[in-house]
Every structure is written in structure tokens, then in C-alpha cells.
């Protein structure tokens, strides 16, 4: 499988990243192991998680996803076959959040222990921290890189101005720089990324890793009316997409899916992967069948006419 370079770094990643947010939430440990084995066997290598996954589940404290991935790495012996991306910054408890140097240095030790590894391939700032100077955050990341605990750093959930400010600080202070951005981006949620972030990422040669690539499942076509919202764990997250524009997008996906004998999720992912600025699209699966469907999406080559149809249907 063809791999894509992440920014200016040496990391080469598959065009599809497995979203580890489901581990310890909608997928148990045994199924998680089977999914990860199948993902690697299919030729992919990119696994995305975060320390906070899945703290939102009743009874969880955060770190559940990292722990499951760590157990799988230990059991499978496949550490050298994967690129592990995790994040820091979201609240993990009382006074346990943000991007201060002290907190980052503490948080990475917990992530490394949960992942049962000596290093993290891509360590990402999960949010922008207005209370901590960019220089302090970057000094922490630079130190971790120098210690060999982190190979590459990246950002998530940053606006264009926040990202530009951080990149300028890296340049001016000769500190490690973000090589990637993880933004919300999919066929429905286009405006925020395309308005300013995309041009900045291309100018700065940053890799882009889209999250919510299927709009919380809306772009699978599973949710087409209010009564469908009760079908899944993310039903309420999808409600905002049930409007004329959203239904128009589903109609376009249906049309292209019929043309290519595919399913809407595959077409939506193929549209993302075809965009020149996108390095990898994150998507999750809770079964081997779902994973097989995602794998097929990376083999789907949409023609210009199909892409234009989807662009027009989803135009903001």
C-alpha cells in the first residue's frame, strides 16, 4: 500500500488511520485486538488515540483506549509495524489538563506506560491552551523529542491563527514544530478547514489528518430521519446534520455509490482521501465487516465528475 509522508517528517502513514476512540467504549478488548490485527494485515499502519479516550463513558477515567492498544502491542509484537499517534491536553481530572511544560512531562509518562512503549510516533496537542505560552509548550515537546520519547509532534483542534502563532514560535525560537494538524473535516463539515486552515497547511507543508471523517456516522447513510437517531451511540451527535443540506449530501452519496457499486461511507472516505491536502482520514470500525468496508474505501478512485457532484451537493 502506498504510504504518505506526514508533513516534513520521516513518518510514512497509510491514507486511513484507525480511530481508537472506540476502544474501551463501543468495542471491548477482544474485539479491539481482532480489529487491530486485521487492520495491520490489510496493509495499514496508522493508529490514532488520545489519553482522554474514553473518559466520557460512565465508569471510565480516561486512558482506556491507550491501555487496550498497549496490551495489543505487547501481545502482538507489532510495535515496529505501526505509527502510534496520541494526544495530550484535554482534562483528565482535577488540575490535569492543558499544555504547560510540567503537565506535558507528566502526562507523557502515563501515556507511555499505558501504551507499553518507549516512544510515541506522533504526539499531538489535543487543544490550543490560551493559558500557556506557545514557547513553553514547544519547549516541552522539544525536550521529549531530544529524549527520544517522541518522534514527531502535531496539533489538533487549532484555528488558523493559533496554528500560525505556534509555527512562528517554532521558527523564531528554533524549537520543534508541528508537522501535522488534526481538524474536523468531512463532506459536511467543510467550511472551517477549507476557509483558512487548508491554505496554511499547504503553505507550511503540514500533514493533515481528518477526524470525524464520516460525520459521526451520518455519512454512512445510517441516519436519514429523526427516528433513525436511536440506532446508535452517536445518534444525538448526528441530529445537527438532518437538514436540507445534509439530505442533499446523502442523495449525492447515494448516486455516486450506485455508480461505483459502493456504499456511502466508502464514497465519503474516498472523497476525503482524494483531496490533495489530506494525508490520512481517521475512521473507526466496531466489527471486521465495517473494517473491510473502510479498507475498500482506500481502493476507490473517484473520477472528476463524481468529485464535482459531491462538492456541489456539499457546498457551504
Protein backbone atom coordinates (compact mmCIF):
# COMPACT_ATOMS: atom_id res chain seq x y z
CA UNK A 1 0.00 0.00 0.00
CA UNK A 2 1.18 3.49 -0.81
CA UNK A 3 2.05 5.50 2.29
CA UNK A 4 2.00 9.28 2.62
CA UNK A 5 4.69 11.39 4.28
CA UNK A 6 3.40 13.24 7.32
CA UNK A 7 4.40 16.86 6.83
CA UNK A 8 8.15 17.26 6.57
CA UNK A 9 8.78 14.40 8.99
CA UNK A 10 10.12 10.93 8.33
CA UNK A 11 6.81 9.30 9.28
CA UNK A 12 5.08 7.46 6.43
CA UNK A 13 1.45 6.70 7.15
CA UNK A 14 -1.39 4.87 5.45
CA UNK A 15 -4.18 7.01 3.94
CA UNK A 16 -6.58 5.56 6.51
CA UNK A 17 -5.97 5.86 10.25
CA UNK A 18 -7.84 3.68 12.70
CA UNK A 19 -9.74 5.85 15.18
CA UNK A 20 -9.01 4.44 18.62
CA UNK A 21 -11.77 6.37 20.35
CA UNK A 22 -13.99 3.27 20.14
CA UNK A 23 -11.60 1.12 22.19
CA UNK A 24 -12.96 0.82 25.72
CA UNK A 25 -16.23 2.43 24.62
CA UNK A 26 -18.19 0.65 21.90
CA UNK A 27 -15.57 -2.08 21.38
CA UNK A 28 -14.27 -4.45 24.04
CA UNK A 29 -10.68 -5.59 24.39
CA UNK A 30 -11.04 -8.87 22.50
CA UNK A 31 -12.72 -7.22 19.51
CA UNK A 32 -10.19 -4.38 19.61
CA UNK A 33 -7.34 -6.86 19.25
CA UNK A 34 -9.06 -8.57 16.30
CA UNK A 35 -9.69 -5.22 14.59
CA UNK A 36 -6.10 -4.06 15.03
CA UNK A 37 -4.73 -7.37 13.73
CA UNK A 38 -6.99 -7.16 10.67
CA UNK A 39 -6.09 -3.50 10.09
CA UNK A 40 -2.36 -4.26 10.01
CA UNK A 41 -2.88 -7.41 7.93
CA UNK A 42 -4.66 -5.27 5.33
CA UNK A 43 -1.51 -3.15 4.92
CA UNK A 44 -2.37 -0.14 7.11
CA UNK A 45 -0.13 1.22 9.85
CA UNK A 46 -1.66 4.37 11.39
CA UNK A 47 -3.49 4.23 14.75
CA UNK A 48 -4.86 7.37 16.39
CA UNK A 49 -5.86 7.69 20.03
CA UNK A 50 -5.69 10.14 22.95
CA UNK A 51 -5.12 10.00 26.69
CA UNK A 52 -8.70 11.17 27.30
CA UNK A 53 -10.32 8.29 25.33
CA UNK A 54 -12.82 7.24 26.60
CA UNK A 55 -13.31 9.28 29.76
CA UNK A 56 -16.85 10.25 28.72
CA UNK A 57 -18.12 6.71 29.37
CA UNK A 58 -19.65 6.12 32.79
CA UNK A 59 -17.14 4.31 34.98
CA UNK A 60 -14.13 5.22 32.81
CA UNK A 61 -11.32 7.51 33.93
CA UNK A 62 -9.56 8.07 30.62
CA UNK A 63 -6.68 6.09 29.17
CA UNK A 64 -8.83 3.07 28.32
CA UNK A 65 -8.02 3.25 24.61
CA UNK A 66 -4.27 3.63 25.20
CA UNK A 67 -4.31 0.67 27.60
CA UNK A 68 -6.01 -1.59 25.08
CA UNK A 69 -3.59 -0.55 22.32
CA UNK A 70 -0.69 -1.10 24.72
CA UNK A 71 -1.83 -4.61 25.59
CA UNK A 72 -2.22 -5.36 21.89
CA UNK A 73 1.27 -4.03 21.13
CA UNK A 74 2.73 -6.19 23.90
CA UNK A 75 0.84 -9.31 22.85
CA UNK A 76 1.24 -8.94 19.07
CA UNK A 77 4.85 -7.78 18.96
CA UNK A 78 3.91 -5.40 16.13
CA UNK A 79 5.24 -2.15 17.59
CA UNK A 80 7.65 -1.61 14.70
CA UNK A 81 4.85 -2.07 12.16
CA UNK A 82 2.67 0.78 13.38
CA UNK A 83 2.65 4.54 13.73
CA UNK A 84 1.03 5.38 17.07
CA UNK A 85 -0.49 8.84 17.43
CA UNK A 86 -1.85 10.04 20.75
CA UNK A 87 -2.79 13.40 22.27
CA UNK A 88 -2.42 15.48 25.40
CA UNK A 89 -4.28 18.49 26.75
CA UNK A 90 -7.87 17.52 27.42
CA UNK A 91 -9.00 17.30 31.03
CA UNK A 92 -8.02 14.05 32.72
CA UNK A 93 -9.03 15.04 36.25
CA UNK A 94 -8.58 17.80 38.79
CA UNK A 95 -5.76 20.11 37.61
CA UNK A 96 -4.84 17.54 34.97
CA UNK A 97 -5.20 19.31 31.64
CA UNK A 98 -3.60 21.87 29.34
CA UNK A 99 -0.22 22.25 27.66
CA UNK A 100 2.06 23.55 30.39
CA UNK A 101 5.53 22.04 30.37
CA UNK A 102 5.04 20.46 33.78
CA UNK A 103 1.80 18.79 32.77
CA UNK A 104 3.07 17.53 29.40
CA UNK A 105 6.13 15.98 31.02
CA UNK A 106 3.86 14.21 33.48
CA UNK A 107 1.17 13.21 31.00
CA UNK A 108 3.51 11.57 28.52
CA UNK A 109 4.84 9.20 31.17
CA UNK A 110 1.29 8.00 31.81
CA UNK A 111 0.65 7.56 28.07
CA UNK A 112 3.90 5.67 27.56
CA UNK A 113 3.05 3.35 30.45
CA UNK A 114 -0.45 2.69 29.16
CA UNK A 115 0.80 2.12 25.61
CA UNK A 116 3.64 -0.10 26.91
CA UNK A 117 6.16 1.56 24.60
CA UNK A 118 9.29 3.68 24.96
CA UNK A 119 8.26 6.26 22.40
CA UNK A 120 5.25 7.83 20.69
CA UNK A 121 5.47 8.35 16.94
CA UNK A 122 3.14 11.37 16.81
CA UNK A 123 2.37 13.33 19.99
CA UNK A 124 -0.35 15.91 19.45
CA UNK A 125 -1.61 18.93 21.34
CA UNK A 126 -5.28 17.99 21.61
CA UNK A 127 -6.40 21.59 22.03
CA UNK A 128 -4.83 25.05 22.00
CA UNK A 129 -4.08 26.23 25.53
CA UNK A 130 -4.62 30.00 25.85
CA UNK A 131 -3.26 29.96 29.41
CA UNK A 132 0.19 28.65 28.44
CA UNK A 133 2.69 30.46 26.19
CA UNK A 134 3.38 28.62 22.92
CA UNK A 135 7.08 28.71 23.70
CA UNK A 136 6.60 26.78 26.94
CA UNK A 137 4.55 24.08 25.23
CA UNK A 138 7.05 23.74 22.40
CA UNK A 139 9.97 23.59 24.80
CA UNK A 140 8.33 20.60 26.45
CA UNK A 141 7.77 18.86 23.12
CA UNK A 142 11.34 19.65 22.03
CA UNK A 143 12.70 18.14 25.24
CA UNK A 144 10.67 14.98 24.72
CA UNK A 145 11.96 14.69 21.16
CA UNK A 146 15.53 15.11 22.36
CA UNK A 147 14.95 12.36 24.93
CA UNK A 148 13.66 10.04 22.22
CA UNK A 149 10.23 9.75 23.78
CA UNK A 150 8.52 11.47 20.83
CA UNK A 151 9.40 11.27 17.15
CA UNK A 152 7.10 13.95 15.72
CA UNK A 153 4.66 16.50 17.19
CA UNK A 154 1.36 17.73 15.84
CA UNK A 155 -1.71 19.79 16.67
CA UNK A 156 -5.43 19.13 16.86
CA UNK A 157 -8.39 21.50 17.14
CA UNK A 158 -6.35 24.63 16.38
CA UNK A 159 -7.69 27.61 14.48
CA UNK A 160 -5.61 29.04 11.65
CA UNK A 161 -4.40 31.94 13.83
CA UNK A 162 -3.48 29.62 16.71
CA UNK A 163 -1.62 27.26 14.41
CA UNK A 164 0.21 30.12 12.67
CA UNK A 165 1.22 31.58 16.03
CA UNK A 166 2.66 28.27 17.15
CA UNK A 167 4.51 27.64 13.89
CA UNK A 168 6.01 31.14 14.04
CA UNK A 169 7.20 30.48 17.59
CA UNK A 170 8.89 27.25 16.50
CA UNK A 171 10.67 29.10 13.73
CA UNK A 172 11.73 32.11 15.80
CA UNK A 173 12.85 30.11 18.85
CA UNK A 174 14.36 27.18 16.95
CA UNK A 175 12.02 24.70 18.64
CA UNK A 176 10.33 21.54 17.38
CA UNK A 177 7.46 22.36 15.06
CA UNK A 178 4.09 20.78 14.47
CA UNK A 179 4.27 18.58 11.40
CA UNK A 180 0.55 17.84 11.28
CA UNK A 181 -2.89 19.16 12.03
CA UNK A 182 -5.87 17.06 13.03
CA UNK A 183 -9.00 19.08 12.16
CA UNK A 184 -12.69 18.30 11.99
CA UNK A 185 -13.23 17.73 8.28
CA UNK A 186 -15.62 15.71 6.19
CA UNK A 187 -18.04 16.09 3.30
CA UNK A 188 -20.48 18.04 5.50
CA UNK A 189 -18.09 19.93 7.82
CA UNK A 190 -16.03 21.74 5.20
CA UNK A 191 -16.05 25.45 5.91
CA UNK A 192 -13.74 25.79 8.93
CA UNK A 193 -10.95 23.74 7.37
CA UNK A 194 -11.24 24.98 3.79
CA UNK A 195 -11.65 28.67 4.69
CA UNK A 196 -8.20 29.23 6.24
CA UNK A 197 -6.60 26.09 7.62
CA UNK A 198 -6.12 24.28 4.33
CA UNK A 199 -4.08 27.02 2.68
CA UNK A 200 -1.93 27.41 5.80
CA UNK A 201 -1.25 23.68 6.00
CA UNK A 202 -0.26 23.57 2.33
CA UNK A 203 1.97 26.63 2.64
CA UNK A 204 3.69 25.18 5.71
CA UNK A 205 3.80 21.61 4.32
CA UNK A 206 1.86 20.16 7.23
CA UNK A 207 0.25 16.75 7.10
CA UNK A 208 -3.50 16.80 7.67
CA UNK A 209 -5.34 14.02 9.50
CA UNK A 210 -9.10 14.49 9.36
CA UNK A 211 -11.24 13.42 12.29
CA UNK A 212 -14.99 12.73 12.29
CA UNK A 213 -14.32 11.78 8.68
CA UNK A 214 -17.80 10.24 8.44
CA UNK A 215 -19.53 13.00 10.46
CA UNK A 216 -20.18 10.74 13.46
CA UNK A 217 -21.72 8.15 11.16
CA UNK A 218 -24.07 10.48 9.28
CA UNK A 219 -22.20 10.00 6.00
CA UNK A 220 -22.71 6.24 6.19
CA UNK A 221 -26.37 6.88 5.32
CA UNK A 222 -27.49 5.19 8.52
CA UNK A 223 -29.30 8.28 9.79
CA UNK A 224 -31.86 9.75 7.37
CA UNK A 225 -34.66 10.84 9.71
CA UNK A 226 -35.32 11.66 13.37
CA UNK A 227 -36.43 8.10 14.08
CA UNK A 228 -33.05 6.79 12.96
CA UNK A 229 -31.21 8.64 15.74
CA UNK A 230 -31.93 5.89 18.27
CA UNK A 231 -29.97 3.36 16.21
CA UNK A 232 -26.51 4.13 17.56
CA UNK A 233 -24.42 5.58 20.37
CA UNK A 234 -23.76 8.72 18.33
CA UNK A 235 -27.35 9.35 17.29
CA UNK A 236 -27.70 12.67 19.10
CA UNK A 237 -24.41 13.89 17.63
CA UNK A 238 -25.91 13.39 14.17
CA UNK A 239 -29.11 15.40 14.75
CA UNK A 240 -27.46 18.63 13.55
CA UNK A 241 -26.86 17.08 10.12
CA UNK A 242 -30.52 16.27 9.47
CA UNK A 243 -31.35 19.32 7.40
CA UNK A 244 -31.87 20.02 3.68
CA UNK A 245 -28.13 20.38 3.00
CA UNK A 246 -27.35 17.14 4.84
CA UNK A 247 -30.02 15.22 2.98
CA UNK A 248 -28.77 16.67 -0.30
CA UNK A 249 -25.31 15.32 0.51
CA UNK A 250 -26.75 11.88 1.23
CA UNK A 251 -28.57 11.95 -2.11
CA UNK A 252 -25.28 12.72 -3.90
CA UNK A 253 -23.52 9.95 -1.98
CA UNK A 254 -26.26 7.53 -2.98
CA UNK A 255 -25.88 8.49 -6.64
CA UNK A 256 -22.08 8.09 -6.64
CA UNK A 257 -22.34 4.88 -4.60
CA UNK A 258 -24.64 3.37 -7.20
CA UNK A 259 -22.23 4.37 -9.96
CA UNK A 260 -19.28 2.70 -8.25
CA UNK A 261 -21.20 -0.19 -6.66
CA UNK A 262 -20.02 1.04 -3.30
CA UNK A 263 -21.63 2.21 -0.05
CA UNK A 264 -21.92 5.85 1.09
CA UNK A 265 -19.21 5.53 3.75
CA UNK A 266 -16.70 4.34 1.16
CA UNK A 267 -17.52 7.20 -1.18
CA UNK A 268 -17.31 9.79 1.62
CA UNK A 269 -13.88 8.49 2.65
CA UNK A 270 -12.69 8.25 -0.95
CA UNK A 271 -13.68 11.91 -1.43
CA UNK A 272 -11.54 12.87 1.57
CA UNK A 273 -8.54 10.77 0.57
CA UNK A 274 -8.64 12.25 -2.94
CA UNK A 275 -8.22 15.80 -1.63
CA UNK A 276 -4.55 16.76 -2.16
CA UNK A 277 -4.13 18.37 1.27
CA UNK A 278 -5.34 15.32 3.21
CA UNK A 279 -2.64 12.92 4.41
CA UNK A 280 -4.91 10.46 6.18
CA UNK A 281 -8.55 10.17 7.16
CA UNK A 282 -9.44 8.80 10.58
CA UNK A 283 -12.32 6.35 10.72
CA UNK A 284 -13.43 3.78 13.29
CA UNK A 285 -14.88 0.31 12.97
CA UNK A 286 -16.60 -1.83 15.57
CA UNK A 287 -16.64 -5.05 13.56
CA UNK A 288 -14.49 -6.82 10.99
CA UNK A 289 -17.21 -6.24 8.37
CA UNK A 290 -17.11 -2.49 9.00
CA UNK A 291 -13.33 -2.55 8.79
CA UNK A 292 -13.44 -4.39 5.47
CA UNK A 293 -15.75 -1.68 4.16
CA UNK A 294 -13.27 1.01 5.24
CA UNK A 295 -10.41 -0.83 3.55
CA UNK A 296 -12.34 -0.84 0.26
CA UNK A 297 -12.75 2.94 0.51
CA UNK A 298 -8.99 3.39 0.05
CA UNK A 299 -9.17 1.41 -3.20
CA UNK A 300 -11.98 3.54 -4.64
CA UNK A 301 -10.78 6.05 -7.24
CA UNK A 302 -13.46 8.69 -7.82
CA UNK A 303 -13.44 10.46 -11.17
CA UNK A 304 -13.60 14.23 -11.54
CA UNK A 305 -17.32 14.15 -12.33
CA UNK A 306 -18.12 12.28 -9.11
CA UNK A 307 -15.97 14.61 -7.02
CA UNK A 308 -17.60 17.65 -8.61
CA UNK A 309 -21.05 16.25 -7.86
CA UNK A 310 -20.13 15.74 -4.19
CA UNK A 311 -18.53 19.18 -3.98
CA UNK A 312 -21.62 20.85 -5.39
CA UNK A 313 -24.00 18.95 -3.11
CA UNK A 314 -21.96 19.85 -0.03
CA UNK A 315 -21.06 23.43 -0.96
CA UNK A 316 -21.38 25.74 2.03
